[in-house]
Protein backbone atom coordinates (compact mmCIF):
# COMPACT_ATOMS: atom_id res chain seq x y z
CA MET A 1 -5.00 5.93 11.08
CA ARG A 2 -1.98 4.29 12.74
CA GLY A 3 -0.70 3.07 9.38
CA ALA A 4 -1.10 6.49 7.76
CA SER A 5 0.72 8.17 10.65
CA ALA A 6 3.55 5.63 10.60
CA LEU A 7 3.99 5.96 6.84
CA GLY A 8 3.81 9.74 7.09
CA ASP A 9 6.56 9.75 9.72
CA LEU A 10 8.73 7.51 7.55
CA LEU A 11 8.31 9.72 4.48
CA GLU A 12 9.04 12.88 6.49
CA GLU A 13 12.23 11.46 8.00
CA LYS A 14 13.53 10.06 4.73
CA PRO A 15 12.73 12.62 2.05
CA ARG A 16 14.13 11.32 -1.22
CA GLU A 17 13.72 12.86 -4.63
CA ASP A 18 13.78 9.44 -6.30
CA LEU A 19 11.14 7.82 -4.06
CA ARG A 20 7.63 7.77 -5.51
CA THR A 21 4.80 6.79 -3.22
CA LEU A 22 1.24 5.83 -4.02
CA VAL A 23 -1.15 5.62 -1.08
CA VAL A 24 -4.49 4.04 -1.86
CA TRP A 25 -7.44 3.86 0.50
CA LEU A 26 -9.97 1.08 -0.07
CA PRO A 27 -13.47 0.60 1.35
CA ILE A 28 -12.78 -2.64 3.23
CA LEU A 29 -14.57 -2.07 6.54
CA GLU A 30 -18.25 -1.13 6.79
CA SER A 31 -17.21 2.30 8.05
CA ASP A 32 -15.09 2.88 4.90
CA ASP A 33 -17.90 4.49 2.93
CA ALA A 34 -16.02 7.58 1.73
CA PRO A 35 -12.49 8.81 1.03
CA PRO A 36 -10.30 9.32 4.08
CA SER A 37 -10.81 12.44 6.13
CA ALA A 38 -8.49 15.40 5.69
CA ILE A 39 -6.95 14.48 9.04
CA THR A 40 -6.14 10.93 7.97
CA ALA A 41 -4.89 11.93 4.52
CA GLY A 42 -2.98 14.83 6.06
CA ALA A 43 -0.90 12.41 8.14
CA ILE A 44 0.95 11.58 4.92
CA PRO A 45 2.99 14.42 3.40
CA ASP A 46 2.14 15.46 -0.16
CA ARG A 47 5.77 15.59 -1.26
CA HIS A 48 6.15 12.97 -4.01
CA VAL A 49 3.06 11.14 -2.75
CA ARG A 50 -0.02 10.39 -4.81
CA LYS A 51 -3.10 9.70 -2.73
CA ARG A 52 -6.11 7.94 -4.15
CA TRP A 53 -9.50 6.66 -3.03
CA ASP A 54 -10.31 3.39 -4.81
CA PRO A 55 -14.00 2.63 -4.24
CA ASP A 56 -13.89 -0.21 -6.81
CA LEU A 57 -10.96 -1.96 -5.05
CA ARG A 58 -9.00 -2.16 -8.30
CA VAL A 59 -5.58 -1.49 -6.78
CA GLY A 60 -6.22 -3.90 -3.89
CA ILE A 61 -7.19 -6.65 -6.33
CA GLU A 62 -4.18 -6.00 -8.57
CA ALA A 63 -1.83 -5.93 -5.58
CA ALA A 64 -3.14 -9.30 -4.38
CA ARG A 65 -2.62 -10.73 -7.88
CA ALA A 66 0.99 -9.49 -7.88
CA LEU A 67 1.78 -11.24 -4.61
CA PRO A 68 2.55 -14.92 -4.13
CA ARG A 69 -0.47 -17.05 -3.26
CA THR A 70 1.30 -17.85 0.02
CA ALA A 71 1.37 -14.18 1.11
CA LYS A 72 -0.20 -13.71 4.51
CA ARG A 73 -2.99 -11.40 5.67
CA PRO A 74 -3.54 -8.49 5.31
CA CYS A 75 -1.35 -8.36 2.20
CA ARG A 76 -3.36 -11.13 0.58
CA MET A 77 -6.83 -11.60 2.03
CA PRO A 78 -8.93 -14.35 0.44
CA THR A 79 -12.39 -13.12 -0.53
CA GLY A 80 -14.09 -16.53 -0.61
CA ARG A 81 -15.12 -15.81 -4.19
CA GLU A 82 -13.76 -16.91 -7.52
CA GLU A 83 -13.18 -13.35 -8.72
CA PRO A 84 -11.52 -11.55 -7.19
CA GLU A 85 -9.91 -14.42 -5.35
CA ALA A 86 -8.08 -12.10 -2.95
CA ILE A 87 -7.54 -8.47 -2.08
CA SER A 88 -4.63 -6.63 -0.53
CA TRP A 89 -4.99 -3.87 2.03
CA ASP A 90 -3.06 -2.38 4.95
CA CYS A 91 0.12 -3.49 3.23
CA VAL A 92 3.34 -1.85 2.07
CA LEU A 93 4.68 -2.90 -1.33
CA VAL A 94 8.16 -1.79 -2.39
CA PHE A 95 9.28 -1.97 -6.01
CA GLU A 96 12.73 -1.71 -7.55
CA LYS A 97 13.63 1.65 -9.05
CA GLY A 98 12.39 1.94 -12.61
CA VAL A 99 9.70 -0.76 -12.38
CA ARG A 100 6.56 0.31 -14.19
CA TRP A 101 2.96 -0.76 -13.84
CA GLU A 102 1.91 -1.61 -17.36
CA GLU A 103 -0.92 -4.11 -17.98
CA ARG A 104 -0.49 -5.86 -14.61
CA LEU A 105 1.06 -4.67 -11.39
CA PRO A 106 4.55 -6.21 -11.24
CA ALA A 107 5.66 -8.31 -8.31
CA PRO A 108 7.12 -6.14 -5.55
CA SER A 109 10.67 -6.70 -4.34
CA TRP A 110 9.35 -6.56 -0.75
CA PHE A 111 5.94 -6.47 0.92
CA ALA A 112 4.49 -6.80 4.40
CA GLY A 113 1.66 -5.59 6.59
CA PRO A 114 -0.11 -4.27 8.55
CA VAL A 115 1.55 -0.96 7.73
CA ALA A 116 1.88 0.29 11.33
CA ASP A 117 3.57 -2.96 12.39
CA VAL A 118 6.11 -3.22 9.57
CA ILE A 119 7.24 0.38 9.14
CA ASP A 120 10.80 -0.32 10.37
CA ASP A 121 11.12 -3.20 7.90
CA ALA A 122 9.67 -0.96 5.17
CA ARG A 123 12.35 1.64 5.97
CA ARG A 124 15.06 -1.00 5.45
CA ALA A 125 13.42 -2.23 2.22
CA ILE A 126 13.33 1.30 0.82
CA ASP A 127 17.00 1.83 1.71
CA ALA A 128 18.13 -1.52 0.25
CA PRO A 129 20.28 -1.27 -2.88
């Protein structure tokens, strides 16, 4: 919930027409057995934000693939399996304007996590030219 609140505060203070945000919740912890509650999801404003529940972990797997193998936890968490080798969660990924997700998620221009701990850095990354 801390990450959702921090991200929500950032998006409220910096409303930008050109900023598109995708927030994806993944079932990582045992207690993550359903989409986020209305309270948790409500911490993030709906303006230009797409919110998704990803029970199959597809976005987390693709995000980990897009990051360097040296990326630290929680942005790239090894699974101990061959496939998927890693998963990303509780991480902010920032992409250059105009970058599109086609067959594979492109490499972000900036990433870090956990979300609640890196929100000031995320703010600077979003504002970078």
